[in-house]
């Protein structure tokens, strides 16, 4: 369904809903995020920390909050310059599905 959608807002909304399911792994979410036109989110799954410049801040904050609540990122904050600073979650040895 994510791949069929042409609208990032709809894709992000679907990903946020999927984050509530415990059976969805980090690599599954990373694959869905790779389908977004907003490429900044990909940094969250490939870096230890990331600075994001997002085109839709309210949508971005909802998405970052959902990622934090699900444990896929540790924390995020909006800096004075309008950029988002994110501390990403490192891969866990106990969870091979997590990046």
PDB file of N, CA and C in Angstrom:
ATOM      1  N   UNK A   1       0.813  -1.191   0.000  1.00  0.00           N
ATOM      2  CA  UNK A   1       0.000   0.000   0.000  1.00  0.00           C
ATOM      3  C   UNK A   1       0.866   1.269   0.000  1.00  0.00           C
ATOM      4  N   UNK A   2       2.004   1.191   0.707  1.00  0.00           N
ATOM      5  CA  UNK A   2       2.913   2.333   0.746  1.00  0.00           C
ATOM      6  C   UNK A   2       3.440   2.621  -0.657  1.00  0.00           C
ATOM      7  N   UNK A   3       3.835   1.577  -1.365  1.00  0.00           N
ATOM      8  CA  UNK A   3       4.402   1.747  -2.705  1.00  0.00           C
ATOM      9  C   UNK A   3       3.388   2.286  -3.696  1.00  0.00           C
ATOM     10  N   UNK A   4       2.113   1.997  -3.483  1.00  0.00           N
ATOM     11  CA  UNK A   4       1.071   2.440  -4.402  1.00  0.00           C
ATOM     12  C   UNK A   4       0.688   3.897  -4.206  1.00  0.00           C
ATOM     13  N   UNK A   5       0.912   4.408  -3.019  1.00  0.00           N
ATOM     14  CA  UNK A   5       0.537   5.785  -2.718  1.00  0.00           C
ATOM     15  C   UNK A   5       1.515   6.755  -3.379  1.00  0.00           C
ATOM     16  N   UNK A   6       0.980   7.868  -3.856  1.00  0.00           N
ATOM     17  CA  UNK A   6       1.816   8.892  -4.478  1.00  0.00           C
ATOM     18  C   UNK A   6       2.014  10.101  -3.566  1.00  0.00           C
ATOM     19  N   UNK A   7       1.422  10.067  -2.393  1.00  0.00           N
ATOM     20  CA  UNK A   7       1.429  11.207  -1.478  1.00  0.00           C
ATOM     21  C   UNK A   7       2.193  10.860  -0.203  1.00  0.00           C
ATOM     22  N   UNK A   8       3.250  11.606   0.104  1.00  0.00           N
ATOM     23  CA  UNK A   8       4.043  11.354   1.307  1.00  0.00           C
ATOM     24  C   UNK A   8       3.208  11.445   2.583  1.00  0.00           C
ATOM     25  N   UNK A   9       2.258  12.364   2.640  1.00  0.00           N
ATOM     26  CA  UNK A   9       1.430  12.502   3.841  1.00  0.00           C
ATOM     27  C   UNK A   9       0.664  11.219   4.114  1.00  0.00           C
ATOM     28  N   UNK A  10       0.132  10.621   3.074  1.00  0.00           N
ATOM     29  CA  UNK A  10      -0.596   9.368   3.230  1.00  0.00           C
ATOM     30  C   UNK A  10       0.354   8.231   3.628  1.00  0.00           C
ATOM     31  N   UNK A  11       1.531   8.203   3.009  1.00  0.00           N
ATOM     32  CA  UNK A  11       2.517   7.175   3.341  1.00  0.00           C
ATOM     33  C   UNK A  11       2.942   7.278   4.806  1.00  0.00           C
ATOM     34  N   UNK A  12       3.228   8.483   5.261  1.00  0.00           N
ATOM     35  CA  UNK A  12       3.659   8.691   6.646  1.00  0.00           C
ATOM     36  C   UNK A  12       2.539   8.308   7.610  1.00  0.00           C
ATOM     37  N   UNK A  13       1.322   8.660   7.276  1.00  0.00           N
ATOM     38  CA  UNK A  13       0.175   8.295   8.110  1.00  0.00           C
ATOM     39  C   UNK A  13       0.061   6.777   8.244  1.00  0.00           C
ATOM     40  N   UNK A  14       0.249   6.066   7.154  1.00  0.00           N
ATOM     41  CA  UNK A  14       0.199   4.600   7.189  1.00  0.00           C
ATOM     42  C   UNK A  14       1.344   4.020   8.018  1.00  0.00           C
ATOM     43  N   UNK A  15       2.538   4.575   7.850  1.00  0.00           N
ATOM     44  CA  UNK A  15       3.688   4.093   8.626  1.00  0.00           C
ATOM     45  C   UNK A  15       3.460   4.327  10.116  1.00  0.00           C
ATOM     46  N   UNK A  16       2.918   5.485  10.479  1.00  0.00           N
ATOM     47  CA  UNK A  16       2.636   5.779  11.883  1.00  0.00           C
ATOM     48  C   UNK A  16       1.668   4.741  12.449  1.00  0.00           C
ATOM     49  N   UNK A  17       0.653   4.393  11.678  1.00  0.00           N
ATOM     50  CA  UNK A  17      -0.300   3.373  12.140  1.00  0.00           C
ATOM     51  C   UNK A  17       0.385   2.024  12.306  1.00  0.00           C
ATOM     52  N   UNK A  18       1.258   1.671  11.394  1.00  0.00           N
ATOM     53  CA  UNK A  18       1.955   0.388  11.461  1.00  0.00           C
ATOM     54  C   UNK A  18       2.926   0.310  12.640  1.00  0.00           C
ATOM     55  N   UNK A  19       3.421   1.455  13.083  1.00  0.00           N
ATOM     56  CA  UNK A  19       4.362   1.469  14.205  1.00  0.00           C
ATOM     57  C   UNK A  19       3.746   0.937  15.498  1.00  0.00           C
ATOM     58  N   UNK A  20       2.433   0.916  15.584  1.00  0.00           N
ATOM     59  CA  UNK A  20       1.775   0.419  16.792  1.00  0.00           C
ATOM     60  C   UNK A  20       1.794  -1.106  16.864  1.00  0.00           C
ATOM     61  N   UNK A  21       2.088  -1.775  15.761  1.00  0.00           N
ATOM     62  CA  UNK A  21       2.143  -3.236  15.753  1.00  0.00           C
ATOM     63  C   UNK A  21       3.545  -3.708  16.114  1.00  0.00           C
ATOM     64  N   UNK A  22       3.629  -4.603  17.068  1.00  0.00           N
ATOM     65  CA  UNK A  22       4.925  -5.079  17.549  1.00  0.00           C
ATOM     66  C   UNK A  22       5.616  -5.995  16.542  1.00  0.00           C
ATOM     67  N   UNK A  23       4.884  -6.580  15.600  1.00  0.00           N
ATOM     68  CA  UNK A  23       5.476  -7.501  14.640  1.00  0.00           C
ATOM     69  C   UNK A  23       6.237  -6.816  13.512  1.00  0.00           C
ATOM     70  N   UNK A  24       6.135  -5.506  13.425  1.00  0.00           N
ATOM     71  CA  UNK A  24       6.812  -4.755  12.376  1.00  0.00           C
ATOM     72  C   UNK A  24       8.220  -4.418  12.875  1.00  0.00           C
ATOM     73  N   UNK A  25       9.227  -4.869  12.153  1.00  0.00           N
ATOM     74  CA  UNK A  25      10.606  -4.648  12.556  1.00  0.00           C
ATOM     75  C   UNK A  25      11.193  -3.371  12.000  1.00  0.00           C
ATOM     76  N   UNK A  26      12.342  -3.024  12.515  1.00  0.00           N
ATOM     77  CA  UNK A  26      13.050  -1.814  12.093  1.00  0.00           C
ATOM     78  C   UNK A  26      13.357  -1.842  10.599  1.00  0.00           C
ATOM     79  N   UNK A  27      13.780  -2.985  10.096  1.00  0.00           N
ATOM     80  CA  UNK A  27      14.109  -3.064   8.670  1.00  0.00           C
ATOM     81  C   UNK A  27      12.861  -2.892   7.800  1.00  0.00           C
ATOM     82  N   UNK A  28      11.707  -3.359   8.297  1.00  0.00           N
ATOM     83  CA  UNK A  28      10.449  -3.159   7.562  1.00  0.00           C
ATOM     84  C   UNK A  28      10.105  -1.670   7.472  1.00  0.00           C
ATOM     85  N   UNK A  29      10.246  -0.983   8.600  1.00  0.00           N
ATOM     86  CA  UNK A  29       9.957   0.455   8.625  1.00  0.00           C
ATOM     87  C   UNK A  29      10.964   1.204   7.751  1.00  0.00           C
ATOM     88  N   UNK A  30      12.236   0.823   7.825  1.00  0.00           N
ATOM     89  CA  UNK A  30      13.269   1.469   7.000  1.00  0.00           C
ATOM     90  C   UNK A  30      12.955   1.300   5.520  1.00  0.00           C
ATOM     91  N   UNK A  31      12.474   0.126   5.141  1.00  0.00           N
ATOM     92  CA  UNK A  31      12.113  -0.105   3.744  1.00  0.00           C
ATOM     93  C   UNK A  31      10.945   0.787   3.315  1.00  0.00           C
ATOM     94  N   UNK A  32       9.961   0.941   4.200  1.00  0.00           N
ATOM     95  CA  UNK A  32       8.825   1.817   3.889  1.00  0.00           C
ATOM     96  C   UNK A  32       9.274   3.274   3.796  1.00  0.00           C
ATOM     97  N   UNK A  33      10.149   3.688   4.706  1.00  0.00           N
ATOM     98  CA  UNK A  33      10.660   5.067   4.692  1.00  0.00           C
ATOM     99  C   UNK A  33      11.421   5.338   3.400  1.00  0.00           C
ATOM    100  N   UNK A  34      12.068   4.324   2.847  1.00  0.00           N
ATOM    101  CA  UNK A  34      12.807   4.513   1.592  1.00  0.00           C
ATOM    102  C   UNK A  34      11.876   4.814   0.418  1.00  0.00           C
ATOM    103  N   UNK A  35      10.591   4.556   0.584  1.00  0.00           N
ATOM    104  CA  UNK A  35       9.596   4.856  -0.452  1.00  0.00           C
ATOM    105  C   UNK A  35       9.117   6.311  -0.415  1.00  0.00           C
ATOM    106  N   UNK A  36       9.481   7.043   0.638  1.00  0.00           N
ATOM    107  CA  UNK A  36       9.047   8.439   0.754  1.00  0.00           C
ATOM    108  C   UNK A  36       9.830   9.338  -0.191  1.00  0.00           C
ATOM    109  N   UNK A  37       9.166  10.353  -0.719  1.00  0.00           N
ATOM    110  CA  UNK A  37       9.855  11.357  -1.533  1.00  0.00           C
ATOM    111  C   UNK A  37      10.791  12.195  -0.657  1.00  0.00           C
ATOM    112  N   UNK A  38      10.400  12.398   0.605  1.00  0.00           N
ATOM    113  CA  UNK A  38      11.224  13.139   1.569  1.00  0.00           C
ATOM    114  C   UNK A  38      12.381  12.225   1.993  1.00  0.00           C
ATOM    115  N   UNK A  39      13.543  12.425   1.375  1.00  0.00           N
ATOM    116  CA  UNK A  39      14.680  11.526   1.584  1.00  0.00           C
ATOM    117  C   UNK A  39      15.391  11.734   2.920  1.00  0.00           C
ATOM    118  N   UNK A  40      15.121  12.836   3.594  1.00  0.00           N
ATOM    119  CA  UNK A  40      15.774  13.132   4.868  1.00  0.00           C
ATOM    120  C   UNK A  40      15.557  12.025   5.897  1.00  0.00           C
ATOM    121  N   UNK A  41      14.384  11.395   5.883  1.00  0.00           N
ATOM    122  CA  UNK A  41      14.064  10.368   6.877  1.00  0.00           C
ATOM    123  C   UNK A  41      14.962   9.139   6.765  1.00  0.00           C
ATOM    124  N   UNK A  42      15.540   8.909   5.627  1.00  0.00           N
ATOM    125  CA  UNK A  42      16.411   7.742   5.444  1.00  0.00           C
ATOM    126  C   UNK A  42      17.630   7.800   6.363  1.00  0.00           C
ATOM    127  N   UNK A  43      18.040   9.005   6.724  1.00  0.00           N
ATOM    128  CA  UNK A  43      19.183   9.175   7.626  1.00  0.00           C
ATOM    129  C   UNK A  43      18.951   8.487   8.964  1.00  0.00           C
ATOM    130  N   UNK A  44      17.700   8.385   9.381  1.00  0.00           N
ATOM    131  CA  UNK A  44      17.366   7.822  10.681  1.00  0.00           C
ATOM    132  C   UNK A  44      17.740   6.346  10.796  1.00  0.00           C
ATOM    133  N   UNK A  45      17.884   5.685   9.668  1.00  0.00           N
ATOM    134  CA  UNK A  45      18.158   4.260   9.665  1.00  0.00           C
ATOM    135  C   UNK A  45      19.577   3.930   9.205  1.00  0.00           C
ATOM    136  N   UNK A  46      20.377   4.964   8.964  1.00  0.00           N
ATOM    137  CA  UNK A  46      21.748   4.717   8.503  1.00  0.00           C
ATOM    138  C   UNK A  46      22.809   5.469   9.307  1.00  0.00           C
ATOM    139  N   UNK A  47      22.387   6.319  10.240  1.00  0.00           N
ATOM    140  CA  UNK A  47      23.320   7.135  11.006  1.00  0.00           C
ATOM    141  C   UNK A  47      23.030   7.028  12.497  1.00  0.00           C
ATOM    142  N   UNK A  48      24.036   7.326  13.320  1.00  0.00           N
ATOM    143  CA  UNK A  48      23.835   7.338  14.777  1.00  0.00           C
ATOM    144  C   UNK A  48      23.109   8.593  15.228  1.00  0.00           C
ATOM    145  N   UNK A  49      23.411   9.711  14.574  1.00  0.00           N
ATOM    146  CA  UNK A  49      22.681  10.959  14.794  1.00  0.00           C
ATOM    147  C   UNK A  49      22.374  11.528  13.417  1.00  0.00           C
ATOM    148  N   UNK A  50      21.323  12.314  13.352  1.00  0.00           N
ATOM    149  CA  UNK A  50      20.936  12.888  12.066  1.00  0.00           C
ATOM    150  C   UNK A  50      20.391  14.289  12.267  1.00  0.00           C
ATOM    151  N   UNK A  51      20.714  15.164  11.334  1.00  0.00           N
ATOM    152  CA  UNK A  51      20.126  16.491  11.280  1.00  0.00           C
ATOM    153  C   UNK A  51      19.230  16.516  10.055  1.00  0.00           C
ATOM    154  N   UNK A  52      17.948  16.764  10.277  1.00  0.00           N
ATOM    155  CA  UNK A  52      16.971  16.721   9.198  1.00  0.00           C
ATOM    156  C   UNK A  52      16.445  18.115   8.877  1.00  0.00           C
ATOM    157  N   UNK A  53      16.291  18.382   7.612  1.00  0.00           N
ATOM    158  CA  UNK A  53      15.627  19.589   7.136  1.00  0.00           C
ATOM    159  C   UNK A  53      14.351  19.095   6.462  1.00  0.00           C
ATOM    160  N   UNK A  54      13.215  19.309   7.119  1.00  0.00           N
ATOM    161  CA  UNK A  54      11.955  18.744   6.644  1.00  0.00           C
ATOM    162  C   UNK A  54      11.074  19.810   6.014  1.00  0.00           C
ATOM    163  N   UNK A  55      10.388  19.434   4.948  1.00  0.00           N
ATOM    164  CA  UNK A  55       9.526  20.385   4.255  1.00  0.00           C
ATOM    165  C   UNK A  55       8.186  20.575   4.964  1.00  0.00           C
ATOM    166  N   UNK A  56       7.741  19.586   5.730  1.00  0.00           N
ATOM    167  CA  UNK A  56       6.476  19.681   6.454  1.00  0.00           C
ATOM    168  C   UNK A  56       6.759  19.421   7.932  1.00  0.00           C
ATOM    169  N   UNK A  57       6.890  20.483   8.721  1.00  0.00           N
ATOM    170  CA  UNK A  57       7.325  20.336  10.109  1.00  0.00           C
ATOM    171  C   UNK A  57       6.290  19.654  10.998  1.00  0.00           C
ATOM    172  N   UNK A  58       5.019  19.959  10.840  1.00  0.00           N
ATOM    173  CA  UNK A  58       4.023  19.336  11.720  1.00  0.00           C
ATOM    174  C   UNK A  58       3.924  17.840  11.450  1.00  0.00           C
ATOM    175  N   UNK A  59       3.964  17.457  10.191  1.00  0.00           N
ATOM    176  CA  UNK A  59       3.952  16.039   9.823  1.00  0.00           C
ATOM    177  C   UNK A  59       5.230  15.358  10.317  1.00  0.00           C
ATOM    178  N   UNK A  60       6.352  16.054  10.167  1.00  0.00           N
ATOM    179  CA  UNK A  60       7.631  15.523  10.618  1.00  0.00           C
ATOM    180  C   UNK A  60       7.657  15.291  12.111  1.00  0.00           C
ATOM    181  N   UNK A  61       7.110  16.224  12.877  1.00  0.00           N
ATOM    182  CA  UNK A  61       7.090  16.069  14.322  1.00  0.00           C
ATOM    183  C   UNK A  61       6.199  14.908  14.747  1.00  0.00           C
ATOM    184  N   UNK A  62       5.091  14.713  14.070  1.00  0.00           N
ATOM    185  CA  UNK A  62       4.225  13.567  14.369  1.00  0.00           C
ATOM    186  C   UNK A  62       4.951  12.263  14.079  1.00  0.00           C
ATOM    187  N   UNK A  63       5.655  12.231  12.954  1.00  0.00           N
ATOM    188  CA  UNK A  63       6.380  11.025  12.554  1.00  0.00           C
ATOM    189  C   UNK A  63       7.536  10.745  13.513  1.00  0.00           C
ATOM    190  N   UNK A  64       8.307  11.769  13.857  1.00  0.00           N
ATOM    191  CA  UNK A  64       9.420  11.588  14.795  1.00  0.00           C
ATOM    192  C   UNK A  64       8.917  11.149  16.166  1.00  0.00           C
ATOM    193  N   UNK A  65       7.810  11.691  16.611  1.00  0.00           N
ATOM    194  CA  UNK A  65       7.235  11.285  17.895  1.00  0.00           C
ATOM    195  C   UNK A  65       6.818   9.817  17.870  1.00  0.00           C
ATOM    196  N   UNK A  66       6.213   9.392  16.770  1.00  0.00           N
ATOM    197  CA  UNK A  66       5.800   7.987  16.636  1.00  0.00           C
ATOM    198  C   UNK A  66       7.019   7.067  16.601  1.00  0.00           C
ATOM    199  N   UNK A  67       8.064   7.474  15.910  1.00  0.00           N
ATOM    200  CA  UNK A  67       9.294   6.678  15.859  1.00  0.00           C
ATOM    201  C   UNK A  67       9.931   6.581  17.245  1.00  0.00           C
ATOM    202  N   UNK A  68       9.911   7.681  17.986  1.00  0.00           N
ATOM    203  CA  UNK A  68      10.476   7.679  19.338  1.00  0.00           C
ATOM    204  C   UNK A  68       9.642   6.792  20.260  1.00  0.00           C
ATOM    205  N   UNK A  69       8.334   6.913  20.188  1.00  0.00           N
ATOM    206  CA  UNK A  69       7.453   6.118  21.041  1.00  0.00           C
ATOM    207  C   UNK A  69       7.628   4.626  20.776  1.00  0.00           C
ATOM    208  N   UNK A  70       7.886   4.267  19.525  1.00  0.00           N
ATOM    209  CA  UNK A  70       8.065   2.856  19.174  1.00  0.00           C
ATOM    210  C   UNK A  70       9.481   2.358  19.469  1.00  0.00           C
ATOM    211  N   UNK A  71      10.382   3.268  19.842  1.00  0.00           N
ATOM    212  CA  UNK A  71      11.746   2.882  20.182  1.00  0.00           C
ATOM    213  C   UNK A  71      12.702   2.832  18.996  1.00  0.00           C
ATOM    214  N   UNK A  72      12.273   3.291  17.841  1.00  0.00           N
ATOM    215  CA  UNK A  72      13.138   3.261  16.660  1.00  0.00           C
ATOM    216  C   UNK A  72      14.132   4.409  16.624  1.00  0.00           C
ATOM    217  N   UNK A  73      13.844   5.482  17.338  1.00  0.00           N
ATOM    218  CA  UNK A  73      14.828   6.539  17.574  1.00  0.00           C
ATOM    219  C   UNK A  73      14.819   6.827  19.070  1.00  0.00           C
ATOM    220  N   UNK A  74      15.912   7.358  19.582  1.00  0.00           N
ATOM    221  CA  UNK A  74      15.993   7.619  21.018  1.00  0.00           C
ATOM    222  C   UNK A  74      15.362   8.948  21.400  1.00  0.00           C
ATOM    223  N   UNK A  75      15.707   9.997  20.649  1.00  0.00           N
ATOM    224  CA  UNK A  75      15.153  11.319  20.949  1.00  0.00           C
ATOM    225  C   UNK A  75      15.316  12.238  19.753  1.00  0.00           C
ATOM    226  N   UNK A  76      14.556  13.327  19.769  1.00  0.00           N
ATOM    227  CA  UNK A  76      14.672  14.329  18.713  1.00  0.00           C
ATOM    228  C   UNK A  76      14.352  15.689  19.316  1.00  0.00           C
ATOM    229  N   UNK A  77      14.874  16.734  18.674  1.00  0.00           N
ATOM    230  CA  UNK A  77      14.546  18.086  19.096  1.00  0.00           C
ATOM    231  C   UNK A  77      14.624  19.028  17.910  1.00  0.00           C
ATOM    232  N   UNK A  78      13.829  20.073  17.992  1.00  0.00           N
ATOM    233  CA  UNK A  78      13.816  21.112  16.974  1.00  0.00           C
ATOM    234  C   UNK A  78      14.795  22.192  17.401  1.00  0.00           C
ATOM    235  N   UNK A  79      15.784  22.426  16.553  1.00  0.00           N
ATOM    236  CA  UNK A  79      16.782  23.444  16.869  1.00  0.00           C
ATOM    237  C   UNK A  79      16.273  24.831  16.475  1.00  0.00           C
ATOM    238  N   UNK A  80      16.967  25.856  16.951  1.00  0.00           N
ATOM    239  CA  UNK A  80      16.590  27.247  16.659  1.00  0.00           C
ATOM    240  C   UNK A  80      16.629  27.567  15.165  1.00  0.00           C
ATOM    241  N   UNK A  81      17.461  26.846  14.421  1.00  0.00           N
ATOM    242  CA  UNK A  81      17.578  27.109  12.982  1.00  0.00           C
ATOM    243  C   UNK A  81      16.521  26.376  12.151  1.00  0.00           C
ATOM    244  N   UNK A  82      15.565  25.709  12.813  1.00  0.00           N
ATOM    245  CA  UNK A  82      14.485  25.028  12.113  1.00  0.00           C
ATOM    246  C   UNK A  82      14.810  23.601  11.691  1.00  0.00           C
ATOM    247  N   UNK A  83      15.997  23.153  12.024  1.00  0.00           N
ATOM    248  CA  UNK A  83      16.392  21.785  11.683  1.00  0.00           C
ATOM    249  C   UNK A  83      16.090  20.865  12.866  1.00  0.00           C
ATOM    250  N   UNK A  84      15.882  19.597  12.551  1.00  0.00           N
ATOM    251  CA  UNK A  84      15.608  18.601  13.580  1.00  0.00           C
ATOM    252  C   UNK A  84      16.869  17.789  13.840  1.00  0.00           C
ATOM    253  N   UNK A  85      17.232  17.683  15.116  1.00  0.00           N
ATOM    254  CA  UNK A  85      18.375  16.881  15.509  1.00  0.00           C
ATOM    255  C   UNK A  85      17.836  15.598  16.129  1.00  0.00           C
ATOM    256  N   UNK A  86      18.267  14.456  15.611  1.00  0.00           N
ATOM    257  CA  UNK A  86      17.730  13.169  16.044  1.00  0.00           C
ATOM    258  C   UNK A  86      18.867  12.260  16.501  1.00  0.00           C
ATOM    259  N   UNK A  87      18.680  11.653  17.666  1.00  0.00           N
ATOM    260  CA  UNK A  87      19.580  10.610  18.133  1.00  0.00           C
ATOM    261  C   UNK A  87      18.934   9.287  17.753  1.00  0.00           C
ATOM    262  N   UNK A  88      19.591   8.578  16.859  1.00  0.00           N
ATOM    263  CA  UNK A  88      19.038   7.351  16.313  1.00  0.00           C
ATOM    264  C   UNK A  88      19.390   6.167  17.206  1.00  0.00           C
ATOM    265  N   UNK A  89      18.670   5.104  17.057  1.00  0.00           N
ATOM    266  CA  UNK A  89      18.901   3.890  17.845  1.00  0.00           C
ATOM    267  C   UNK A  89      19.902   3.011  17.120  1.00  0.00           C
ATOM    268  N   UNK A  90      20.878   2.539  17.858  1.00  0.00           N
ATOM    269  CA  UNK A  90      21.870   1.649  17.271  1.00  0.00           C
ATOM    270  C   UNK A  90      21.296   0.246  17.136  1.00  0.00           C
ATOM    271  N   UNK A  91      21.900  -0.532  16.270  1.00  0.00           N
ATOM    272  CA  UNK A  91      21.491  -1.916  16.090  1.00  0.00           C
ATOM    273  C   UNK A  91      21.748  -2.695  17.377  1.00  0.00           C
ATOM    274  N   UNK A  92      20.785  -3.490  17.762  1.00  0.00           N
ATOM    275  CA  UNK A  92      20.905  -4.312  18.959  1.00  0.00           C
ATOM    276  C   UNK A  92      21.307  -5.725  18.571  1.00  0.00           C
ATOM    277  N   UNK A  93      22.230  -6.299  19.309  1.00  0.00           N
ATOM    278  CA  UNK A  93      22.648  -7.678  19.031  1.00  0.00           C
ATOM    279  C   UNK A  93      21.514  -8.664  19.290  1.00  0.00           C
ATOM    280  N   UNK A  94      20.629  -8.338  20.227  1.00  0.00           N
ATOM    281  CA  UNK A  94      19.533  -9.232  20.543  1.00  0.00           C
ATOM    282  C   UNK A  94      18.443  -9.200  19.475  1.00  0.00           C
ATOM    283  N   UNK A  95      18.411  -8.181  18.669  1.00  0.00           N
ATOM    284  CA  UNK A  95      17.349  -8.026  17.677  1.00  0.00           C
ATOM    285  C   UNK A  95      17.982  -7.902  16.294  1.00  0.00           C
ATOM    286  N   UNK A  96      18.152  -9.012  15.575  1.00  0.00           N
ATOM    287  CA  UNK A  96      18.819  -8.964  14.278  1.00  0.00           C
ATOM    288  C   UNK A  96      18.034  -8.188  13.226  1.00  0.00           C
ATOM    289  N   UNK A  97      16.760  -7.911  13.460  1.00  0.00           N
ATOM    290  CA  UNK A  97      15.938  -7.189  12.504  1.00  0.00           C
ATOM    291  C   UNK A  97      16.092  -5.683  12.654  1.00  0.00           C
ATOM    292  N   UNK A  98      16.843  -5.247  13.620  1.00  0.00           N
ATOM    293  CA  UNK A  98      16.985  -3.809  13.860  1.00  0.00           C
ATOM    294  C   UNK A  98      18.316  -3.327  13.329  1.00  0.00           C
ATOM    295  N   UNK A  99      18.285  -2.180  12.674  1.00  0.00           N
ATOM    296  CA  UNK A  99      19.503  -1.580  12.097  1.00  0.00           C
ATOM    297  C   UNK A  99      20.086  -0.569  13.039  1.00  0.00           C
TER     298      UNK A  99
END
